[in-house]
Amino acid sequence: MSVRIAPSILAADFANLERDIREVVSADLLHVDVMDGHFVPNLTIGVPVVRRLAEVSPLPLDVHLMIEDPDHWAPRYAELGATSVTFHSEAAKKPRQIATDIKSSGARASVAIKPDTPAEAVMELLGVVDMVLVMTVEPGFGGQSFMPETLAKLTALRAAAVEAGTELWLQVDGGITTDTAPAAVAAGADTLVAGSAVFGASDRARAVQALRDVCQL
């Protein structure tokens, strides 16, 4: 199975984002965490920065919204030029409508679930969204330890997608390293978000390749 690697700029140098992005051009996506300080305790970036990233990034933007009111904001991020926009199930009022609006704005639609949210919470969306993101840490801050108890959700979601005949990307985000990535892929993940494991390395391109190498099944 081919695995997609999405380095997270949460672990990059915010004063030199364009420089750091160009050091991971061998990846497949650029993961952009938008946090509002309300849905999660951290505050990162918003519309102006994402708009500029879309202009300069050589990689497609994979925008992860950890915010309140994704019903309003998710389509806006799609309009900025993101390739994929992820909203949280826990924050969405009308998740089906959000997914439809994201797609109408030209992006892939994705829904995320926190570690304590069961896979069943998004099963009814499998025919609507293009990707499900299973958080393998509590959302909000980088550098946390991978939570292996979340892997069962990947297995359940992959089995449900196969049974339904739905082409679904399964993404994991949190504590992904060369040690934890193989277990995530074995459980059903095909898209890996890695922050510190990539941007914390002296050779970022080699770090991206190392993640690919350990996930060859």
Protein backbone atom coordinates (compact mmCIF):
# COMPACT_ATOMS: atom_id res chain seq x y z
CA MET A 1 0.00 0.00 0.00
CA SER A 2 1.26 3.46 -0.89
CA VAL A 3 1.40 5.72 2.16
CA ARG A 4 1.05 9.48 1.98
CA ILE A 5 3.27 11.62 4.23
CA ALA A 6 2.01 15.00 5.45
CA PRO A 7 4.57 16.97 7.50
CA SER A 8 2.88 19.28 10.00
CA ILE A 9 4.08 22.86 10.06
CA LEU A 10 3.09 23.02 13.73
CA ALA A 11 6.64 21.76 14.33
CA ALA A 12 8.27 24.08 11.77
CA ASP A 13 9.89 27.48 12.38
CA PHE A 14 7.01 29.96 12.09
CA ALA A 15 9.47 32.73 11.28
CA ASN A 16 10.78 30.75 8.32
CA LEU A 17 7.81 28.73 7.10
CA GLU A 18 8.52 29.02 3.38
CA ARG A 19 12.11 27.88 3.91
CA ASP A 20 11.05 24.89 6.00
CA ILE A 21 8.29 23.90 3.58
CA ARG A 22 10.77 23.73 0.71
CA GLU A 23 12.81 21.24 2.72
CA VAL A 24 9.93 18.70 2.66
CA VAL A 25 8.97 18.85 -1.01
CA SER A 26 9.39 15.07 -1.24
CA ALA A 27 6.30 14.67 0.95
CA ASP A 28 2.77 14.35 -0.44
CA LEU A 29 0.86 16.99 1.52
CA LEU A 30 1.58 19.88 3.85
CA HIS A 31 -0.44 19.59 7.05
CA VAL A 32 -1.61 22.95 8.38
CA ASP A 33 -3.11 23.08 11.88
CA VAL A 34 -5.56 25.92 12.44
CA MET A 35 -6.37 26.30 16.15
CA ASP A 36 -8.56 28.97 17.69
CA GLY A 37 -7.75 28.77 21.41
CA HIS A 38 -11.36 27.70 22.12
CA PHE A 39 -12.00 24.25 20.67
CA VAL A 40 -8.44 23.46 21.72
CA PRO A 41 -6.29 25.40 24.22
CA ASN A 42 -3.66 26.38 21.65
CA LEU A 43 -3.76 29.28 19.17
CA THR A 44 -1.92 29.04 15.87
CA ILE A 45 -2.78 30.62 12.52
CA GLY A 46 -5.83 31.62 10.52
CA VAL A 47 -7.10 32.79 7.16
CA PRO A 48 -4.33 35.29 6.20
CA VAL A 49 -1.49 32.84 6.80
CA VAL A 50 -3.25 29.93 5.10
CA ARG A 51 -3.99 32.14 2.10
CA ARG A 52 -0.30 32.99 1.79
CA LEU A 53 0.78 29.38 2.33
CA ALA A 54 -1.48 28.33 -0.54
CA GLU A 55 0.37 30.84 -2.74
CA VAL A 56 3.90 29.71 -1.90
CA SER A 57 3.68 26.03 -0.96
CA PRO A 58 4.92 23.52 -3.55
CA LEU A 59 2.82 20.90 -1.74
CA PRO A 60 -0.99 20.64 -1.58
CA LEU A 61 -2.35 22.05 1.67
CA ASP A 62 -4.04 19.63 4.07
CA VAL A 63 -5.80 22.03 6.45
CA HIS A 64 -6.91 20.67 9.83
CA LEU A 65 -9.42 22.92 11.56
CA MET A 66 -9.36 22.58 15.34
CA ILE A 67 -11.86 25.37 15.78
CA GLU A 68 -15.36 26.18 16.89
CA ASP A 69 -18.00 26.79 14.20
CA PRO A 70 -16.51 24.77 11.33
CA ASP A 71 -19.95 25.03 9.70
CA HIS A 72 -19.07 28.64 8.89
CA TRP A 73 -15.30 28.48 8.46
CA ALA A 74 -14.55 25.19 6.69
CA PRO A 75 -15.77 26.28 3.23
CA ARG A 76 -13.79 29.51 3.57
CA TYR A 77 -10.54 27.56 3.94
CA ALA A 78 -11.41 25.51 0.88
CA GLU A 79 -11.87 28.74 -1.06
CA LEU A 80 -8.37 29.85 -0.02
CA GLY A 81 -6.87 27.05 -2.08
CA ALA A 82 -6.55 24.14 0.33
CA THR A 83 -6.59 20.72 -1.31
CA SER A 84 -8.18 19.10 1.74
CA VAL A 85 -10.08 20.63 4.65
CA THR A 86 -10.69 18.66 7.85
CA PHE A 87 -13.30 19.66 10.42
CA HIS A 88 -13.92 18.04 13.80
CA SER A 89 -16.98 15.89 14.34
CA GLU A 90 -17.19 17.17 17.90
CA ALA A 91 -17.54 20.80 16.76
CA ALA A 92 -19.80 20.34 13.74
CA LYS A 93 -23.50 21.14 13.85
CA LYS A 94 -24.30 19.82 10.36
CA PRO A 95 -21.37 17.62 9.28
CA ARG A 96 -22.97 16.45 6.04
CA GLN A 97 -23.59 20.01 4.97
CA ILE A 98 -20.03 21.03 5.89
CA ALA A 99 -18.64 18.23 3.72
CA THR A 100 -20.88 19.24 0.83
CA ASP A 101 -19.86 22.89 1.18
CA ILE A 102 -16.16 22.02 1.27
CA LYS A 103 -16.48 19.98 -1.90
CA SER A 104 -18.51 22.69 -3.60
CA SER A 105 -15.62 25.07 -2.83
CA GLY A 106 -13.18 22.78 -4.64
CA ALA A 107 -11.48 20.81 -1.85
CA ARG A 108 -11.59 17.30 -0.47
CA ALA A 109 -13.72 17.00 2.65
CA SER A 110 -12.44 15.30 5.78
CA VAL A 111 -13.78 14.74 9.27
CA ALA A 112 -11.64 14.27 12.40
CA ILE A 113 -12.32 12.56 15.71
CA LYS A 114 -10.56 13.02 19.03
CA PRO A 115 -9.09 10.03 20.92
CA ASP A 116 -12.20 9.70 23.11
CA THR A 117 -14.66 9.92 20.21
CA PRO A 118 -15.72 6.49 18.90
CA ALA A 119 -15.45 5.53 15.26
CA GLU A 120 -19.23 5.10 15.21
CA ALA A 121 -19.59 8.89 15.45
CA VAL A 122 -18.50 9.26 11.82
CA MET A 123 -19.58 5.97 10.25
CA GLU A 124 -22.61 7.59 8.62
CA LEU A 125 -20.30 10.07 6.88
CA LEU A 126 -18.15 7.47 5.08
CA GLY A 127 -20.03 7.93 1.83
CA VAL A 128 -19.87 11.72 2.15
CA VAL A 129 -16.31 12.57 3.19
CA ASP A 130 -13.09 11.77 1.35
CA MET A 131 -11.01 11.19 4.48
CA VAL A 132 -11.33 10.48 8.18
CA LEU A 133 -8.63 11.73 10.53
CA VAL A 134 -8.18 9.68 13.68
CA MET A 135 -6.33 11.74 16.27
CA THR A 136 -3.70 9.63 18.00
CA VAL A 137 -3.06 12.32 20.62
CA GLU A 138 -5.29 14.92 22.22
CA PRO A 139 -5.55 17.79 19.74
CA GLY A 140 -3.93 21.10 20.58
CA PHE A 141 -0.19 20.72 21.03
CA GLY A 142 2.60 18.97 19.17
CA GLY A 143 5.14 16.62 20.67
CA GLN A 144 2.69 14.36 22.53
CA SER A 145 3.04 10.59 22.82
CA PHE A 146 1.19 8.29 20.44
CA MET A 147 -1.91 6.63 21.93
CA PRO A 148 -2.01 3.00 20.69
CA GLU A 149 -5.55 2.52 22.00
CA THR A 150 -6.78 4.63 19.07
CA LEU A 151 -5.67 2.03 16.51
CA ALA A 152 -8.84 -0.05 16.85
CA LYS A 153 -10.80 2.85 15.36
CA LEU A 154 -8.66 2.73 12.23
CA THR A 155 -9.36 -0.96 11.83
CA ALA A 156 -13.09 -0.44 12.27
CA LEU A 157 -13.22 2.46 9.82
CA ARG A 158 -11.17 0.65 7.19
CA ALA A 159 -13.37 -2.45 7.45
CA ALA A 160 -16.52 -0.32 7.14
CA ALA A 161 -15.16 1.51 4.09
CA VAL A 162 -14.22 -1.74 2.39
CA GLU A 163 -17.62 -3.25 3.14
CA ALA A 164 -19.37 -0.18 1.73
CA GLY A 165 -17.10 -0.08 -1.32
CA THR A 166 -16.09 3.48 -0.44
CA GLU A 167 -12.70 4.85 -1.40
CA LEU A 168 -11.59 6.47 1.83
CA TRP A 169 -8.33 7.96 2.99
CA LEU A 170 -7.56 7.27 6.66
CA GLN A 171 -5.26 9.75 8.31
CA VAL A 172 -3.51 9.64 11.68
CA ASP A 173 -2.11 12.65 13.49
CA GLY A 174 -0.16 12.68 16.73
CA GLY A 175 3.05 11.05 17.89
CA ILE A 176 3.82 9.60 14.46
CA THR A 177 7.45 8.48 14.17
CA THR A 178 9.30 5.64 12.50
CA ASP A 179 8.48 3.60 15.62
CA THR A 180 4.73 4.22 15.64
CA ALA A 181 3.92 4.63 11.94
CA PRO A 182 4.02 0.91 11.02
CA ALA A 183 1.35 0.05 13.60
CA ALA A 184 -0.89 2.82 12.30
CA VAL A 185 -0.53 1.64 8.71
CA ALA A 186 -1.09 -1.99 9.71
CA ALA A 187 -4.34 -0.88 11.39
CA GLY A 188 -5.57 0.79 8.20
CA ALA A 189 -4.04 4.27 7.97
CA ASP A 190 -2.73 5.42 4.61
CA THR A 191 -1.97 9.09 5.35
CA LEU A 192 0.45 10.03 8.11
CA VAL A 193 0.83 13.43 9.72
CA ALA A 194 4.25 13.89 11.27
CA GLY A 195 5.46 17.08 12.91
CA SER A 196 8.46 16.70 15.19
CA ALA A 197 9.60 13.52 13.42
CA VAL A 198 10.14 15.55 10.24
CA PHE A 199 10.78 19.17 11.17
CA GLY A 200 12.77 18.14 14.25
CA ALA A 201 15.25 16.29 12.04
CA SER A 202 18.41 17.88 10.65
CA ASP A 203 17.69 16.29 7.27
CA ARG A 204 13.96 16.71 6.67
CA ALA A 205 13.93 14.96 3.28
CA ARG A 206 15.60 11.93 4.81
CA ALA A 207 13.06 11.95 7.64
CA VAL A 208 10.20 11.87 5.12
CA GLN A 209 11.80 8.95 3.30
CA ALA A 210 12.42 7.12 6.55
CA LEU A 211 8.70 7.23 7.31
CA ARG A 212 7.93 5.85 3.85
CA ASP A 213 10.47 3.08 4.24
CA VAL A 214 9.15 1.74 7.54
CA CYS A 215 5.59 1.63 6.20
CA GLN A 216 6.19 -0.65 3.25
CA LEU A 217 3.92 -3.61 3.95
